[in-house]
Amino acid sequence: MSYYTLWVIAFGLSMDAFAVSVTKGLCLIEFSW
């Protein structure tokens, strides 16, 4: 495990969490209408 690999994994996880939060936000907006 190199430093670069850890950075890539951390970046991937953060992007995944961001995508999930955006999707949840869109779903909440659709349900609120």
N, C-alpha and C. Protein backbone atom coordinates (compact mmCIF):
# COMPACT_ATOMS: atom_id res chain seq x y z
N MET A 1 0.84 -1.19 0.00
CA MET A 1 0.00 0.00 0.00
C MET A 1 0.88 1.24 0.00
N SER A 2 0.84 1.97 -1.08
CA SER A 2 1.64 3.18 -1.15
C SER A 2 0.80 4.39 -0.74
N TYR A 3 1.47 5.51 -0.55
CA TYR A 3 0.78 6.73 -0.15
C TYR A 3 -0.23 7.14 -1.22
N TYR A 4 0.17 6.97 -2.49
CA TYR A 4 -0.70 7.32 -3.61
C TYR A 4 -1.96 6.47 -3.62
N THR A 5 -1.79 5.17 -3.34
CA THR A 5 -2.95 4.26 -3.33
C THR A 5 -3.94 4.68 -2.25
N LEU A 6 -3.42 5.06 -1.08
CA LEU A 6 -4.31 5.49 0.00
C LEU A 6 -5.08 6.74 -0.42
N TRP A 7 -4.41 7.65 -1.12
CA TRP A 7 -5.06 8.88 -1.58
C TRP A 7 -6.19 8.54 -2.54
N VAL A 8 -5.92 7.60 -3.46
CA VAL A 8 -6.93 7.22 -4.45
C VAL A 8 -8.14 6.60 -3.76
N ILE A 9 -7.89 5.72 -2.78
CA ILE A 9 -8.99 5.07 -2.06
C ILE A 9 -9.81 6.11 -1.29
N ALA A 10 -9.12 7.02 -0.60
CA ALA A 10 -9.82 8.05 0.17
C ALA A 10 -10.65 8.94 -0.75
N PHE A 11 -10.10 9.29 -1.90
CA PHE A 11 -10.81 10.13 -2.86
C PHE A 11 -12.04 9.41 -3.40
N GLY A 12 -11.88 8.12 -3.70
CA GLY A 12 -13.00 7.33 -4.21
C GLY A 12 -14.12 7.24 -3.18
N LEU A 13 -13.75 7.02 -1.92
CA LEU A 13 -14.77 6.91 -0.87
C LEU A 13 -15.49 8.24 -0.68
N SER A 14 -14.75 9.34 -0.72
CA SER A 14 -15.38 10.65 -0.52
C SER A 14 -16.33 10.96 -1.68
N MET A 15 -15.91 10.61 -2.90
CA MET A 15 -16.77 10.85 -4.05
C MET A 15 -18.02 9.99 -3.97
N ASP A 16 -17.85 8.74 -3.49
CA ASP A 16 -18.99 7.83 -3.35
C ASP A 16 -19.98 8.40 -2.33
N ALA A 17 -19.46 8.88 -1.20
CA ALA A 17 -20.33 9.44 -0.16
C ALA A 17 -21.03 10.69 -0.70
N PHE A 18 -20.31 11.49 -1.49
CA PHE A 18 -20.89 12.71 -2.05
C PHE A 18 -22.04 12.36 -3.01
N ALA A 19 -21.81 11.34 -3.84
CA ALA A 19 -22.84 10.92 -4.80
C ALA A 19 -24.08 10.43 -4.06
N VAL A 20 -23.87 9.67 -2.98
CA VAL A 20 -25.00 9.14 -2.20
C VAL A 20 -25.78 10.29 -1.57
N SER A 21 -25.08 11.27 -1.01
CA SER A 21 -25.77 12.39 -0.37
C SER A 21 -26.54 13.20 -1.40
N VAL A 22 -25.97 13.38 -2.59
CA VAL A 22 -26.67 14.13 -3.64
C VAL A 22 -27.92 13.38 -4.07
N THR A 23 -27.79 12.07 -4.23
CA THR A 23 -28.94 11.26 -4.64
C THR A 23 -30.04 11.32 -3.59
N LYS A 24 -29.66 11.23 -2.32
CA LYS A 24 -30.65 11.31 -1.25
C LYS A 24 -31.32 12.68 -1.25
N GLY A 25 -30.54 13.73 -1.48
CA GLY A 25 -31.10 15.07 -1.51
C GLY A 25 -32.11 15.21 -2.64
N LEU A 26 -31.79 14.67 -3.82
CA LEU A 26 -32.70 14.76 -4.95
C LEU A 26 -33.98 13.98 -4.66
N CYS A 27 -33.84 12.82 -4.03
CA CYS A 27 -35.02 12.01 -3.70
C CYS A 27 -35.91 12.77 -2.71
N LEU A 28 -35.28 13.42 -1.71
CA LEU A 28 -36.07 14.17 -0.72
C LEU A 28 -36.79 15.33 -1.39
N ILE A 29 -36.12 15.98 -2.33
CA ILE A 29 -36.74 17.11 -3.03
C ILE A 29 -37.94 16.62 -3.85
N GLU A 30 -37.77 15.48 -4.52
CA GLU A 30 -38.87 14.95 -5.33
C GLU A 30 -40.05 14.55 -4.46
N PHE A 31 -39.77 13.94 -3.30
CA PHE A 31 -40.86 13.52 -2.41
C PHE A 31 -41.56 14.72 -1.78
N SER A 32 -40.83 15.81 -1.58
CA SER A 32 -41.42 16.96 -0.91
C SER A 32 -42.39 17.70 -1.84
N TRP A 33 -42.26 17.53 -3.14
CA TRP A 33 -43.14 18.22 -4.06
C TRP A 33 -44.54 17.65 -3.99
